[in-house]
Amino acid sequence: MATYTHLLLATDFMPEAEQLGARARELAHGFGARLSLVHVLEPSVLAPPYEMMPSLPDGTEQALEEAAQQALDRLGEQLEVPSVSRHLLYGSVRRAVADFVTDHQVDLVLVGSHGRHGVERLLGSTASAILQAAPCDVLALRLDGQGGD
């Protein structure tokens, strides 16, 4: 069995984030590994074909960023993850997580799954993108509370 030294929990602050975080913390302790948290803010820029669409009010992106940072800090405090290991990233989830994994020597990414059928439905499109792009192992943790007997 592989020994992991740096685990990364990629969170979107879904309602099960605390449950997922607690399981990530247990795994990190079990491996004697470091746990980092990331949340990715995707750009909300409108491209020229969509310029007739209403734009976001001034300050909205900053408010979203502040709310995301607060949520990340709350989760980090609950999981006892030091502030230096909580990261708010920008860009596409797929690329931002893959780059973070490479830059920070992460060897296991943890994502939530919903226990449905098919890769997209099982993991969701975000988790599926991470699975395809991550240059390390990815572990999907079930969110629906069902065991794997």
Protein backbone atom coordinates (compact mmCIF):
# COMPACT_ATOMS: atom_id res chain seq x y z
CA MET A 1 0.00 0.00 0.00
CA ALA A 2 1.23 3.48 -0.86
CA THR A 3 2.35 5.81 1.88
CA TYR A 4 1.08 9.34 1.46
CA THR A 5 2.80 12.38 2.93
CA HIS A 6 0.70 15.29 1.65
CA LEU A 7 -3.07 15.07 1.20
CA LEU A 8 -5.13 17.73 -0.50
CA LEU A 9 -8.84 18.21 0.11
CA ALA A 10 -10.43 20.07 -2.80
CA THR A 11 -13.64 21.62 -1.50
CA ASP A 12 -16.52 23.52 -3.03
CA PHE A 13 -18.18 24.06 0.39
CA MET A 14 -21.04 21.69 -0.40
CA PRO A 15 -23.27 20.91 2.59
CA GLU A 16 -21.22 17.75 3.26
CA ALA A 17 -17.91 19.66 3.40
CA GLU A 18 -17.52 19.12 7.15
CA GLN A 19 -18.19 15.38 6.82
CA LEU A 20 -15.72 15.16 3.95
CA GLY A 21 -13.20 17.24 5.87
CA ALA A 22 -13.44 15.03 8.94
CA ARG A 23 -12.74 11.97 6.82
CA ALA A 24 -9.81 13.74 5.14
CA ARG A 25 -8.38 14.63 8.55
CA GLU A 26 -8.72 10.99 9.70
CA LEU A 27 -6.87 9.80 6.60
CA ALA A 28 -4.13 12.38 7.08
CA HIS A 29 -3.65 11.31 10.69
CA GLY A 30 -3.68 7.65 9.69
CA PHE A 31 -0.89 8.22 7.18
CA GLY A 32 0.95 10.71 9.39
CA ALA A 33 0.55 13.11 6.47
CA ARG A 34 0.07 16.83 6.10
CA LEU A 35 -3.41 18.01 5.03
CA SER A 36 -3.97 21.04 2.82
CA LEU A 37 -7.27 22.57 1.73
CA VAL A 38 -8.04 24.27 -1.58
CA HIS A 39 -11.03 26.01 -3.03
CA VAL A 40 -10.95 27.29 -6.60
CA LEU A 41 -12.70 30.47 -7.72
CA GLU A 42 -13.43 30.24 -11.40
CA PRO A 43 -13.40 33.46 -13.44
CA SER A 44 -16.73 35.09 -14.21
CA VAL A 45 -15.52 37.09 -17.19
CA LEU A 46 -17.94 37.41 -20.08
CA ALA A 47 -16.47 36.83 -23.53
CA PRO A 48 -17.39 39.12 -26.48
CA PRO A 49 -20.19 36.90 -27.84
CA TYR A 50 -21.98 37.39 -24.52
CA GLU A 51 -21.41 41.11 -24.10
CA MET A 52 -25.15 41.79 -24.22
CA MET A 53 -25.56 39.84 -20.98
CA PRO A 54 -25.69 41.93 -17.81
CA SER A 55 -22.37 42.21 -16.00
CA LEU A 56 -21.82 41.56 -12.33
CA PRO A 57 -22.28 44.59 -10.08
CA ASP A 58 -19.08 46.29 -8.94
CA GLY A 59 -17.61 44.61 -5.88
CA THR A 60 -19.37 41.27 -6.45
CA GLU A 61 -16.20 39.35 -7.29
CA GLN A 62 -14.43 40.80 -4.25
CA ALA A 63 -17.40 39.84 -2.06
CA LEU A 64 -17.33 36.30 -3.49
CA GLU A 65 -13.60 36.08 -2.83
CA GLU A 66 -14.01 37.28 0.76
CA ALA A 67 -16.87 34.83 1.39
CA ALA A 68 -14.83 31.96 -0.05
CA GLN A 69 -11.84 32.85 2.11
CA GLN A 70 -14.03 33.00 5.22
CA ALA A 71 -15.57 29.60 4.41
CA LEU A 72 -12.12 28.14 3.79
CA ASP A 73 -10.87 29.54 7.10
CA ARG A 74 -13.91 28.19 8.99
CA LEU A 75 -13.39 24.72 7.54
CA GLY A 76 -9.66 24.91 8.19
CA GLU A 77 -10.22 25.85 11.83
CA GLN A 78 -12.71 22.99 12.29
CA LEU A 79 -10.20 20.55 10.83
CA GLU A 80 -7.22 22.09 12.62
CA VAL A 81 -5.50 22.81 9.31
CA PRO A 82 -3.01 25.67 9.75
CA SER A 83 -3.74 28.86 7.80
CA VAL A 84 -0.60 28.37 5.68
CA SER A 85 -2.16 25.14 4.38
CA ARG A 86 -5.45 26.77 3.28
CA HIS A 87 -5.35 27.96 -0.30
CA LEU A 88 -7.77 29.98 -2.37
CA LEU A 89 -6.91 29.38 -6.02
CA TYR A 90 -8.11 31.09 -9.21
CA GLY A 91 -8.85 29.72 -12.67
CA SER A 92 -10.28 26.47 -13.91
CA VAL A 93 -10.60 23.83 -11.20
CA ARG A 94 -8.91 21.24 -13.41
CA ARG A 95 -5.80 23.31 -14.08
CA ALA A 96 -5.56 25.04 -10.68
CA VAL A 97 -5.67 21.78 -8.72
CA ALA A 98 -3.25 19.99 -11.08
CA ASP A 99 -0.77 22.89 -10.81
CA PHE A 100 -1.12 23.00 -7.02
CA VAL A 101 -0.50 19.25 -6.78
CA THR A 102 2.69 19.58 -8.81
CA ASP A 103 3.94 22.74 -7.08
CA HIS A 104 3.32 21.44 -3.53
CA GLN A 105 4.27 17.75 -3.90
CA VAL A 106 0.77 16.48 -3.12
CA ASP A 107 0.50 12.73 -3.46
CA LEU A 108 -3.22 12.19 -2.79
CA VAL A 109 -6.17 14.43 -3.72
CA LEU A 110 -9.45 13.87 -1.88
CA VAL A 111 -12.78 14.73 -3.51
CA GLY A 112 -16.40 14.02 -2.66
CA SER A 113 -18.56 11.57 -4.58
CA HIS A 114 -22.32 11.20 -4.58
CA GLY A 115 -22.62 7.42 -4.97
CA ARG A 116 -24.53 7.47 -8.27
CA HIS A 117 -23.67 5.61 -11.48
CA GLY A 118 -21.29 6.75 -14.19
CA VAL A 119 -18.12 8.76 -13.65
CA GLU A 120 -19.70 12.19 -14.15
CA ARG A 121 -22.71 11.34 -11.99
CA LEU A 122 -20.60 9.51 -9.41
CA LEU A 123 -18.07 12.26 -8.92
CA GLY A 124 -19.67 15.29 -10.46
CA SER A 125 -18.05 17.22 -13.28
CA THR A 126 -15.60 19.07 -11.01
CA ALA A 127 -14.30 15.96 -9.28
CA SER A 128 -14.14 14.17 -12.62
CA ALA A 129 -12.01 17.00 -14.03
CA ILE A 130 -9.65 16.72 -11.04
CA LEU A 131 -9.42 12.95 -11.50
CA GLN A 132 -8.46 13.37 -15.16
CA ALA A 133 -5.92 16.16 -14.58
CA ALA A 134 -4.21 15.30 -11.29
CA PRO A 135 -0.71 13.86 -11.68
CA CYS A 136 -1.18 11.82 -8.48
CA ASP A 137 -3.68 9.47 -6.87
CA VAL A 138 -7.24 10.75 -6.36
CA LEU A 139 -9.57 9.28 -3.75
CA ALA A 140 -13.31 9.83 -3.98
CA LEU A 141 -15.01 9.85 -0.59
CA ARG A 142 -18.73 9.01 -0.52
CA LEU A 143 -20.97 11.83 0.62
CA ASP A 144 -24.29 10.02 0.86
CA GLY A 145 -23.49 8.18 4.08
CA GLN A 146 -23.81 4.76 2.48
CA GLY A 147 -21.16 2.24 3.31
CA GLY A 148 -19.28 0.15 0.80
CA ASP A 149 -20.11 -3.32 2.13
